């Protein structure tokens, strides 16, 4: 079953129900079906063929969703572009993906490379409106590509991950079951739809269950509490930076929001355990943290019913196999034991088919028996919970000891004086590498020596940050991941 057939169950079964609110407009599922059919007919008129790419460079809006649905119906590969990208980054994706055209709006077209003639939604609207509201979707196999999602590229040039209809379908089906998504839910959606968190999780659980969504152009700290109180959602998917904003609510407001909520989910970047505890005290809800990748959608999740363990991403989701292997071994066959750090290997129907036009990178990404090498490090507890330890490339080798930045960052964020922290390794003539910490203070009363003394008391000597560098903010991408290569350059003598 392809995505179009899967979505039809909702479009037919929930036709008259309100599906989507955006700004001052609302749309039923019948409306979305008709509007996306118009877009599908327009793509056909423009001679798009199955396998062609439609690049989309838009903030959250209704036409973005309609264009995605049109791609699903026509076999065109939906290729979203990060709205924070500018000409150089956009040019890389356009050169690599070779889309038939780039859909954007007049305002954002200012960032499009001069060599590209964009298709503006302001100009497309009239043509789309003239198209028929009926469309016979193509008979596509489940392994047909549906999305070409470019990785964040925080350590190099981004690669295009090819996600199939089956990948999206498997992910939505598992999440609907494990997170108990239902037509009675109401989701406040402020995640960017260019990323798999918003597109793969929120949009697909919505279109496969028929709940109601209020879409925000973006998450705005100035208005987010009003949106919560007005819409009264039951579900919210967010990233740690969003939850940091939500922690500024007054106790009365937090209780009012929490009284309507069923589920808060966090992902895309680590959520410090201390912030999860603060959120629980304020809102009366334990955030459900999970682990996914652009290449796999969701892999591991804390349980909906059961212990949501602070600092942990939970257990493997149904149908997904996980191995932890020695990250220093030449091959991926030497598994590590409980409590030992290993690289996560992943296999399941959620795992992408490969990198776009990069057969060598695709081969390198998989083990001979078909497991994806995630590049992420984790520890498994005796009862099966996984705790992430950072990226394999971020591992610090200090005097023969493995130092995991996540462990030090968690400790620093537990301190009242620290609002945020990032730890990296730098070269050292004696020990090979040593950790240094970049911290954002929680107020003016920041005492570096007291923080250093606290580290000495609670951390092993080889884990002690050799420098603590105060910064105004950590450089993060649109999903909240720290861009470590953008931290101020430091040397340690």
Protein backbone atom coordinates (compact mmCIF):
# COMPACT_ATOMS: atom_id res chain seq x y z
CA UNK A 1 0.00 0.00 0.00
CA UNK A 2 1.44 3.39 -0.98
CA UNK A 3 0.89 6.63 0.92
CA UNK A 4 -1.90 7.84 -1.34
CA UNK A 5 -3.91 4.68 -0.64
CA UNK A 6 -3.17 4.98 3.08
CA UNK A 7 -4.22 8.65 3.23
CA UNK A 8 -7.42 7.85 1.29
CA UNK A 9 -8.69 5.95 4.31
CA UNK A 10 -8.69 9.23 6.21
CA UNK A 11 -9.85 11.47 3.37
CA UNK A 12 -12.89 9.24 2.81
CA UNK A 13 -13.60 8.28 6.41
CA UNK A 14 -13.15 11.79 7.86
CA UNK A 15 -14.15 13.87 4.82
CA UNK A 16 -16.38 16.34 6.63
CA UNK A 17 -14.20 16.80 9.70
CA UNK A 18 -12.01 19.85 10.17
CA UNK A 19 -8.49 18.75 9.31
CA UNK A 20 -6.38 21.89 9.40
CA UNK A 21 -6.35 25.40 10.78
CA UNK A 22 -3.86 27.93 9.50
CA UNK A 23 -4.00 31.57 10.49
CA UNK A 24 -7.64 32.62 9.85
CA UNK A 25 -8.58 29.70 7.57
CA UNK A 26 -9.73 26.16 8.21
CA UNK A 27 -10.04 23.17 5.90
CA UNK A 28 -11.86 19.85 6.07
CA UNK A 29 -10.25 16.65 4.85
CA UNK A 30 -12.55 16.92 1.82
CA UNK A 31 -11.10 20.38 1.14
CA UNK A 32 -7.52 19.10 1.38
CA UNK A 33 -8.30 16.22 -0.98
CA UNK A 34 -9.75 18.57 -3.59
CA UNK A 35 -7.00 21.16 -3.23
CA UNK A 36 -4.20 18.61 -3.42
CA UNK A 37 -5.86 17.06 -6.49
CA UNK A 38 -5.68 20.46 -8.17
CA UNK A 39 -1.97 20.61 -7.42
CA UNK A 40 -1.52 17.07 -8.76
CA UNK A 41 -3.24 18.04 -12.00
CA UNK A 42 -1.03 21.10 -12.25
CA UNK A 43 2.09 18.95 -11.85
CA UNK A 44 0.84 16.68 -14.60
CA UNK A 45 0.16 19.73 -16.80
CA UNK A 46 3.76 20.80 -16.20
CA UNK A 47 4.83 17.34 -17.43
CA UNK A 48 6.17 16.04 -14.13
CA UNK A 49 6.83 12.31 -14.34
CA UNK A 50 7.16 9.72 -11.54
CA UNK A 51 10.66 9.99 -10.09
CA UNK A 52 11.04 13.70 -10.94
CA UNK A 53 11.86 15.93 -7.99
CA UNK A 54 9.90 18.95 -6.80
CA UNK A 55 12.08 21.12 -4.54
CA UNK A 56 10.07 23.13 -2.02
CA UNK A 57 11.53 26.12 -0.19
CA UNK A 58 8.66 27.45 1.90
CA UNK A 59 7.82 28.24 5.49
CA UNK A 60 4.97 26.26 7.02
CA UNK A 61 1.84 26.96 4.96
CA UNK A 62 -1.11 25.16 3.39
CA UNK A 63 0.35 25.06 -0.16
CA UNK A 64 3.38 23.18 1.19
CA UNK A 65 1.11 20.40 2.48
CA UNK A 66 -0.93 20.39 -0.73
CA UNK A 67 2.23 20.15 -2.83
CA UNK A 68 3.44 17.23 -0.71
CA UNK A 69 0.13 15.41 -1.21
CA UNK A 70 0.30 16.12 -4.94
CA UNK A 71 3.75 14.55 -5.07
CA UNK A 72 2.45 11.47 -3.25
CA UNK A 73 -0.35 11.11 -5.82
CA UNK A 74 1.86 11.60 -8.88
CA UNK A 75 4.98 9.70 -7.87
CA UNK A 76 7.03 12.89 -7.80
CA UNK A 77 9.75 12.97 -5.12
CA UNK A 78 9.09 15.74 -2.58
CA UNK A 79 12.36 17.56 -1.82
CA UNK A 80 12.01 20.06 1.07
CA UNK A 81 14.72 22.66 1.71
CA UNK A 82 15.53 24.17 5.11
CA UNK A 83 14.07 27.69 5.23
CA UNK A 84 17.21 28.95 6.97
CA UNK A 85 19.38 27.94 4.01
CA UNK A 86 20.69 30.62 1.72
CA UNK A 87 21.97 30.68 -1.86
CA UNK A 88 25.14 28.59 -1.36
CA UNK A 89 23.35 25.83 0.56
CA UNK A 90 20.32 25.88 -1.73
CA UNK A 91 22.57 25.70 -4.77
CA UNK A 92 24.19 22.51 -3.43
CA UNK A 93 20.80 20.80 -3.06
CA UNK A 94 19.55 21.97 -6.45
CA UNK A 95 22.72 20.77 -8.13
CA UNK A 96 22.57 17.42 -6.36
CA UNK A 97 18.83 16.70 -6.59
CA UNK A 98 18.28 18.25 -10.04
CA UNK A 99 14.59 19.03 -9.44
CA UNK A 100 12.27 19.93 -12.29
CA UNK A 101 11.55 23.18 -10.48
CA UNK A 102 11.78 24.97 -7.12
CA UNK A 103 8.52 26.01 -5.48
CA UNK A 104 8.85 29.03 -3.20
CA UNK A 105 7.22 32.38 -2.48
CA UNK A 106 8.17 35.86 -3.57
CA UNK A 107 9.75 36.83 -0.26
CA UNK A 108 11.98 33.76 -0.01
CA UNK A 109 12.92 33.84 -3.67
CA UNK A 110 15.42 36.56 -2.74
CA UNK A 111 17.64 33.78 -1.34
CA UNK A 112 17.37 31.51 -4.38
CA UNK A 113 20.51 31.33 -6.58
CA UNK A 114 20.39 33.58 -9.63
CA UNK A 115 20.82 30.54 -11.86
CA UNK A 116 17.40 29.18 -10.81
CA UNK A 117 14.04 30.49 -12.01
CA UNK A 118 11.68 29.65 -9.12
CA UNK A 119 8.02 28.70 -9.38
CA UNK A 120 6.27 31.22 -7.13
CA UNK A 121 3.15 30.13 -5.28
CA UNK A 122 1.70 33.62 -5.81
CA UNK A 123 1.82 33.00 -9.57
CA UNK A 124 0.90 29.31 -9.35
CA UNK A 125 -2.28 29.93 -7.33
CA UNK A 126 -4.45 31.00 -10.26
CA UNK A 127 -3.30 28.10 -12.47
CA UNK A 128 -3.85 25.59 -9.68
CA UNK A 129 -7.32 26.97 -8.95
CA UNK A 130 -8.39 26.28 -12.55
CA UNK A 131 -7.50 22.60 -12.31
CA UNK A 132 -10.02 19.82 -11.68
CA UNK A 133 -10.66 18.63 -8.13
CA UNK A 134 -10.54 14.96 -9.18
CA UNK A 135 -7.33 13.04 -9.76
CA UNK A 136 -6.61 9.35 -10.21
CA UNK A 137 -3.49 8.66 -8.18
CA UNK A 138 -0.80 6.52 -9.79
CA UNK A 139 -0.48 2.86 -8.81
CA UNK A 140 2.89 3.06 -7.06
CA UNK A 141 4.74 0.32 -5.21
CA UNK A 142 5.51 0.87 -1.54
CA UNK A 143 9.25 0.96 -2.21
CA UNK A 144 8.88 3.92 -4.59
CA UNK A 145 10.70 7.04 -3.35
CA UNK A 146 8.41 9.62 -1.74
CA UNK A 147 10.83 12.11 -0.18
CA UNK A 148 14.38 13.30 -0.68
CA UNK A 149 15.40 14.81 2.65
CA UNK A 150 18.80 16.43 3.00
CA UNK A 151 20.70 15.84 6.21
CA UNK A 152 21.56 18.80 8.41
CA UNK A 153 25.16 18.94 7.21
CA UNK A 154 26.59 20.13 10.54
CA UNK A 155 29.92 18.42 9.82
CA UNK A 156 30.06 18.51 6.03
CA UNK A 157 28.03 18.83 2.84
CA UNK A 158 24.51 17.51 3.30
CA UNK A 159 23.47 14.26 1.62
CA UNK A 160 20.03 13.45 0.27
CA UNK A 161 18.32 10.59 2.13
CA UNK A 162 15.79 8.77 -0.07
CA UNK A 163 12.69 7.89 1.98
CA UNK A 164 10.12 5.57 0.43
CA UNK A 165 6.35 5.31 0.76
CA UNK A 166 6.96 2.23 2.91
CA UNK A 167 9.36 4.13 5.19
CA UNK A 168 6.79 6.85 5.92
CA UNK A 169 3.93 4.34 6.23
CA UNK A 170 5.79 2.08 8.65
CA UNK A 171 6.81 5.02 10.82
CA UNK A 172 3.28 6.46 11.02
CA UNK A 173 1.72 3.09 11.78
CA UNK A 174 4.14 2.41 14.64
CA UNK A 175 3.75 5.88 16.17
CA UNK A 176 -0.04 5.81 15.92
CA UNK A 177 -0.01 2.57 17.90
CA UNK A 178 2.72 3.31 20.43
CA UNK A 179 1.74 6.93 21.13
CA UNK A 180 -2.01 6.21 20.92
CA UNK A 181 -2.74 8.81 18.26
CA UNK A 182 -6.46 9.03 17.49
CA UNK A 183 -9.02 11.13 15.58
CA UNK A 184 -9.92 12.78 18.91
CA UNK A 185 -6.48 14.38 19.24
CA UNK A 186 -5.70 18.02 18.51
CA UNK A 187 -2.12 18.89 17.58
CA UNK A 188 -0.51 22.31 17.80
CA UNK A 189 2.16 22.04 15.11
CA UNK A 190 5.02 24.54 15.18
CA UNK A 191 7.75 22.26 13.87
CA UNK A 192 9.19 23.12 10.45
CA UNK A 193 7.76 20.84 7.76
CA UNK A 194 11.02 20.72 5.82
CA UNK A 195 12.34 18.27 8.45
CA UNK A 196 11.31 14.67 9.14
CA UNK A 197 10.20 15.54 12.68
CA UNK A 198 7.40 17.72 11.36
CA UNK A 199 6.85 16.02 8.01
CA UNK A 200 7.48 12.38 8.90
CA UNK A 201 5.97 12.28 12.38
CA UNK A 202 3.37 15.03 12.70
CA UNK A 203 2.01 15.20 9.14
CA UNK A 204 1.91 11.45 8.64
CA UNK A 205 0.28 10.57 11.98
CA UNK A 206 -2.25 13.33 11.24
CA UNK A 207 -3.09 12.11 7.74
CA UNK A 208 -3.37 8.48 8.86
CA UNK A 209 -5.63 9.05 11.88
CA UNK A 210 -7.68 12.14 11.04
CA UNK A 211 -7.04 14.29 14.09
CA UNK A 212 -7.17 18.10 13.95
CA UNK A 213 -4.08 20.27 13.44
CA UNK A 214 -3.44 23.93 13.97
CA UNK A 215 -0.38 24.72 11.86
CA UNK A 216 1.87 27.61 12.89
CA UNK A 217 4.08 29.33 10.35
CA UNK A 218 6.75 28.98 12.99
CA UNK A 219 7.11 28.63 16.75
CA UNK A 220 7.06 32.15 18.21
CA UNK A 221 7.80 32.55 21.91
CA UNK A 222 5.76 35.79 21.94
CA UNK A 223 2.52 34.06 20.93
CA UNK A 224 2.92 30.36 21.72
CA UNK A 225 1.09 30.48 25.06
CA UNK A 226 -1.89 32.23 23.45
CA UNK A 227 -1.93 29.51 20.77
CA UNK A 228 -1.98 26.79 23.42
CA UNK A 229 -4.75 28.43 25.44
CA UNK A 230 -6.88 29.23 22.39
CA UNK A 231 -6.56 25.92 20.48
CA UNK A 232 -6.41 23.64 23.54
CA UNK A 233 -4.35 20.87 21.94
CA UNK A 234 -3.95 17.39 23.32
CA UNK A 235 -0.61 16.66 21.60
CA UNK A 236 2.54 18.68 21.00
CA UNK A 237 5.71 17.58 19.21
CA UNK A 238 8.69 19.83 19.91
CA UNK A 239 12.45 20.17 20.18
CA UNK A 240 14.39 21.07 23.36
CA UNK A 241 14.67 24.76 22.46
CA UNK A 242 10.86 24.94 22.28
CA UNK A 243 10.52 23.31 25.67
CA UNK A 244 13.03 25.78 27.06
CA UNK A 245 10.65 28.58 25.95
CA UNK A 246 7.67 26.78 27.49
CA UNK A 247 9.47 26.70 30.85
CA UNK A 248 8.95 30.47 31.08
CA UNK A 249 5.19 30.02 31.65
CA UNK A 250 3.68 31.07 34.93
CA UNK A 251 2.53 28.18 37.13
CA UNK A 252 -1.14 29.05 36.52
CA UNK A 253 -0.69 29.16 32.76
CA UNK A 254 1.31 25.92 32.71
CA UNK A 255 -1.39 24.15 34.72
CA UNK A 256 -4.10 25.44 32.37
CA UNK A 257 -2.18 24.15 29.34
CA UNK A 258 -1.28 20.87 31.00
CA UNK A 259 -4.86 20.17 32.02
CA UNK A 260 -5.85 19.75 28.35
CA UNK A 261 -2.76 17.93 27.17
CA UNK A 262 -2.33 14.20 26.66
CA UNK A 263 1.20 13.98 25.28
CA UNK A 264 4.32 16.12 24.94
CA UNK A 265 7.06 14.62 22.73
CA UNK A 266 10.63 15.88 22.34
CA UNK A 267 13.29 14.93 19.82
CA UNK A 268 15.80 16.04 17.15
CA UNK A 269 18.30 17.05 19.86
CA UNK A 270 19.09 15.88 23.41
CA UNK A 271 16.76 17.07 26.16
CA UNK A 272 18.70 17.62 29.39
CA UNK A 273 17.25 15.54 32.21
CA UNK A 274 17.14 18.58 34.51
CA UNK A 275 14.84 20.40 32.08
CA UNK A 276 12.55 17.39 31.81
CA UNK A 277 12.19 17.41 35.59
CA UNK A 278 11.46 21.15 35.66
CA UNK A 279 8.84 20.72 32.95
CA UNK A 280 7.16 17.90 34.87
CA UNK A 281 6.93 20.04 37.99
CA UNK A 282 5.48 22.97 36.05
CA UNK A 283 3.05 21.30 33.62
CA UNK A 284 2.29 18.02 35.38
CA UNK A 285 3.48 16.01 32.36
CA UNK A 286 6.57 13.93 31.72
CA UNK A 287 7.86 14.68 28.23
CA UNK A 288 8.22 11.58 26.08
CA UNK A 289 11.72 11.63 24.58
CA UNK A 290 12.54 9.54 21.53
CA UNK A 291 15.34 9.00 19.01
CA UNK A 292 15.24 9.23 15.24
CA UNK A 293 17.28 10.21 12.22
CA UNK A 294 16.62 11.79 8.83
CA UNK A 295 17.60 8.44 7.33
CA UNK A 296 15.25 6.35 9.49
CA UNK A 297 12.48 8.49 10.95
CA UNK A 298 11.80 7.05 14.46
CA UNK A 299 13.81 4.21 16.01
CA UNK A 300 13.55 4.25 19.80
CA UNK A 301 11.01 5.77 22.17
CA UNK A 302 10.18 6.03 25.82
CA UNK A 303 6.86 4.26 26.46
CA UNK A 304 3.51 6.00 26.42
CA UNK A 305 2.39 3.79 29.30
CA UNK A 306 5.36 3.07 31.52
CA UNK A 307 8.45 4.77 32.83
CA UNK A 308 9.67 7.75 30.82
CA UNK A 309 13.20 7.76 32.06
CA UNK A 310 14.98 11.16 32.26
CA UNK A 311 18.05 11.25 30.02
CA UNK A 312 17.01 8.10 28.15
CA UNK A 313 15.35 7.76 24.74
CA UNK A 314 13.65 4.52 25.76
CA UNK A 315 13.40 1.17 23.99
CA UNK A 316 13.32 0.13 20.31
CA UNK A 317 9.96 0.63 18.62
CA UNK A 318 8.10 -2.42 17.22
CA UNK A 319 9.62 -3.87 14.07
CA UNK A 320 12.98 -2.18 14.64
CA UNK A 321 16.12 -4.12 15.54
CA UNK A 322 18.98 -2.40 17.36
CA UNK A 323 22.56 -3.52 17.94
CA UNK A 324 25.28 -1.81 19.94
CA UNK A 325 28.76 -2.52 18.61
CA UNK A 326 32.28 -1.53 19.61
CA UNK A 327 32.81 1.89 17.99
CA UNK A 328 36.58 1.37 17.77
CA UNK A 329 36.41 -2.03 16.04
CA UNK A 330 37.22 -2.25 12.34
CA UNK A 331 33.99 -4.12 11.60
CA UNK A 332 30.50 -3.99 13.10
CA UNK A 333 30.35 -7.50 14.52
CA UNK A 334 31.67 -7.03 18.05
CA UNK A 335 28.67 -6.21 20.22
CA UNK A 336 29.11 -4.50 23.58
CA UNK A 337 27.45 -5.51 26.82
CA UNK A 338 25.01 -3.77 29.13
CA UNK A 339 26.38 -0.52 30.50
CA UNK A 340 29.05 -0.30 27.79
CA UNK A 341 29.04 2.38 25.12
CA UNK A 342 28.59 1.26 21.54
CA UNK A 343 27.53 2.56 18.15
CA UNK A 344 23.84 2.12 17.35
CA UNK A 345 23.06 -0.10 14.37
CA UNK A 346 19.49 -0.04 13.06
CA UNK A 347 17.37 -2.32 10.87
CA UNK A 348 13.67 -2.02 10.06
CA UNK A 349 11.04 -0.99 7.53
CA UNK A 350 11.67 2.61 8.57
CA UNK A 351 15.27 2.66 7.29
CA UNK A 352 15.87 4.65 4.10
CA UNK A 353 16.84 3.08 0.78
CA UNK A 354 20.10 5.02 0.45
CA UNK A 355 21.76 8.33 -0.30
CA UNK A 356 20.74 10.05 -3.51
CA UNK A 357 23.20 9.26 -6.30
CA UNK A 358 25.90 8.27 -3.80
CA UNK A 359 26.30 4.47 -4.09
CA UNK A 360 29.63 4.45 -2.24
CA UNK A 361 28.25 6.44 0.70
CA UNK A 362 25.23 4.14 0.75
CA UNK A 363 27.41 1.02 0.84
CA UNK A 364 29.52 2.47 3.64
CA UNK A 365 26.39 3.30 5.63
CA UNK A 366 25.26 -0.32 5.93
CA UNK A 367 26.80 -3.45 7.42
CA UNK A 368 26.98 -6.59 5.25
CA UNK A 369 23.85 -7.94 6.97
CA UNK A 370 21.80 -4.81 6.33
CA UNK A 371 22.08 -2.74 9.51
CA UNK A 372 22.45 1.03 9.18
CA UNK A 373 25.50 2.46 10.94
CA UNK A 374 23.93 5.43 12.73
CA UNK A 375 27.14 7.10 13.91
CA UNK A 376 25.41 7.65 17.27
CA UNK A 377 26.77 6.25 20.53
CA UNK A 378 24.56 4.84 23.26
CA UNK A 379 24.47 2.72 26.41
CA UNK A 380 21.83 0.03 27.05
CA UNK A 381 20.61 -0.59 30.59
CA UNK A 382 19.83 -4.00 32.03
CA UNK A 383 16.10 -3.41 31.41
CA UNK A 384 16.55 -2.34 27.79
CA UNK A 385 16.51 1.47 27.96
CA UNK A 386 18.98 3.29 25.70
CA UNK A 387 20.81 6.48 26.65
CA UNK A 388 22.54 8.46 23.92
CA UNK A 389 26.17 9.46 24.43
CA UNK A 390 26.63 11.71 21.40
CA UNK A 391 28.02 11.19 17.92
CA UNK A 392 30.84 8.78 17.23
CA UNK A 393 32.74 11.67 15.63
CA UNK A 394 32.38 13.69 18.87
CA UNK A 395 34.01 11.05 21.08
CA UNK A 396 36.95 12.55 23.01
CA UNK A 397 39.99 10.30 23.56
CA UNK A 398 41.72 11.68 26.63
CA UNK A 399 44.79 9.88 27.92
CA UNK A 400 43.45 6.50 26.81
CA UNK A 401 39.97 7.10 28.24
CA UNK A 402 36.76 7.59 26.25
CA UNK A 403 35.02 10.83 27.19
CA UNK A 404 31.42 11.30 26.06
CA UNK A 405 30.40 14.98 25.75
CA UNK A 406 26.73 14.26 26.51
CA UNK A 407 27.57 13.02 30.02
CA UNK A 408 29.45 16.22 30.90
CA UNK A 409 26.81 18.42 29.27
CA UNK A 410 24.06 16.75 31.31
CA UNK A 411 26.00 17.36 34.51
CA UNK A 412 26.65 21.01 33.67
CA UNK A 413 22.98 21.63 32.83
CA UNK A 414 22.00 20.27 36.24
CA UNK A 415 23.80 23.21 37.88
CA UNK A 416 21.59 26.23 38.70
CA UNK A 417 24.11 28.65 37.18
CA UNK A 418 24.06 26.95 33.75
CA UNK A 419 21.27 27.36 31.19
CA UNK A 420 22.95 25.46 28.35
CA UNK A 421 26.22 23.68 27.65
CA UNK A 422 28.24 22.04 24.89
CA UNK A 423 31.46 20.05 25.30
CA UNK A 424 34.05 19.41 22.59
CA UNK A 425 37.52 17.91 22.47
CA UNK A 426 40.63 19.83 21.46
CA UNK A 427 44.15 18.61 20.77
CA UNK A 428 46.57 18.19 23.68
CA UNK A 429 50.26 17.27 23.34
CA UNK A 430 50.23 14.92 26.33
CA UNK A 431 46.75 13.37 26.44
CA UNK A 432 45.83 13.50 22.78
CA UNK A 433 42.59 15.37 23.46
CA UNK A 434 41.02 17.15 26.41
CA UNK A 435 37.42 18.33 26.89
CA UNK A 436 36.48 21.98 27.04
CA UNK A 437 33.02 23.33 27.85
CA UNK A 438 31.04 26.20 26.38
CA UNK A 439 28.32 27.31 28.78
CA UNK A 440 25.43 29.75 28.69
CA UNK A 441 24.86 31.18 32.15
CA UNK A 442 21.43 31.20 33.75
CA UNK A 443 21.99 34.66 35.20
CA UNK A 444 24.55 37.28 36.05
CA UNK A 445 25.74 35.47 39.19
CA UNK A 446 28.04 33.14 37.26
CA UNK A 447 31.11 31.97 39.10
CA UNK A 448 33.44 29.99 36.85
CA UNK A 449 35.64 28.80 39.72
CA UNK A 450 32.67 27.46 41.69
CA UNK A 451 31.50 25.56 38.62
CA UNK A 452 34.98 24.18 38.13
CA UNK A 453 35.09 23.05 41.79
CA UNK A 454 31.73 21.33 41.34
CA UNK A 455 33.07 19.44 38.33
CA UNK A 456 36.13 18.33 40.31
CA UNK A 457 33.90 16.98 43.06
CA UNK A 458 31.57 14.96 40.84
CA UNK A 459 33.47 14.03 37.66
CA UNK A 460 36.46 11.80 37.04
CA UNK A 461 39.66 13.74 36.47
CA UNK A 462 39.87 12.86 32.77
CA UNK A 463 36.33 14.22 32.26
CA UNK A 464 37.06 17.64 33.78
CA UNK A 465 36.69 20.46 31.26
CA UNK A 466 40.10 22.05 30.96
CA UNK A 467 38.44 25.31 30.08
CA UNK A 468 34.97 26.65 30.79
CA UNK A 469 34.11 29.30 28.22
CA UNK A 470 31.10 31.50 28.77
CA UNK A 471 29.09 32.31 25.63
CA UNK A 472 25.86 34.23 25.07
CA UNK A 473 24.26 31.34 23.17
CA UNK A 474 25.17 28.04 21.54
CA UNK A 475 24.96 27.91 17.74
CA UNK A 476 22.07 25.62 16.87
CA UNK A 477 20.37 24.65 13.63
CA UNK A 478 16.63 24.94 12.99
CA UNK A 479 15.92 21.75 14.95
CA UNK A 480 18.01 22.71 17.97
CA UNK A 481 21.11 20.60 17.33
CA UNK A 482 24.34 22.26 18.44
CA UNK A 483 26.57 23.11 15.50
CA UNK A 484 29.85 22.39 17.21
CA UNK A 485 31.96 23.46 14.26
CA UNK A 486 30.59 27.01 14.76
CA UNK A 487 31.72 27.28 18.38
CA UNK A 488 34.58 29.75 18.98
CA UNK A 489 37.93 28.19 18.16
CA UNK A 490 40.06 27.43 21.22
CA UNK A 491 43.49 25.98 21.83
CA UNK A 492 44.81 24.39 24.99
CA UNK A 493 48.47 24.59 25.81
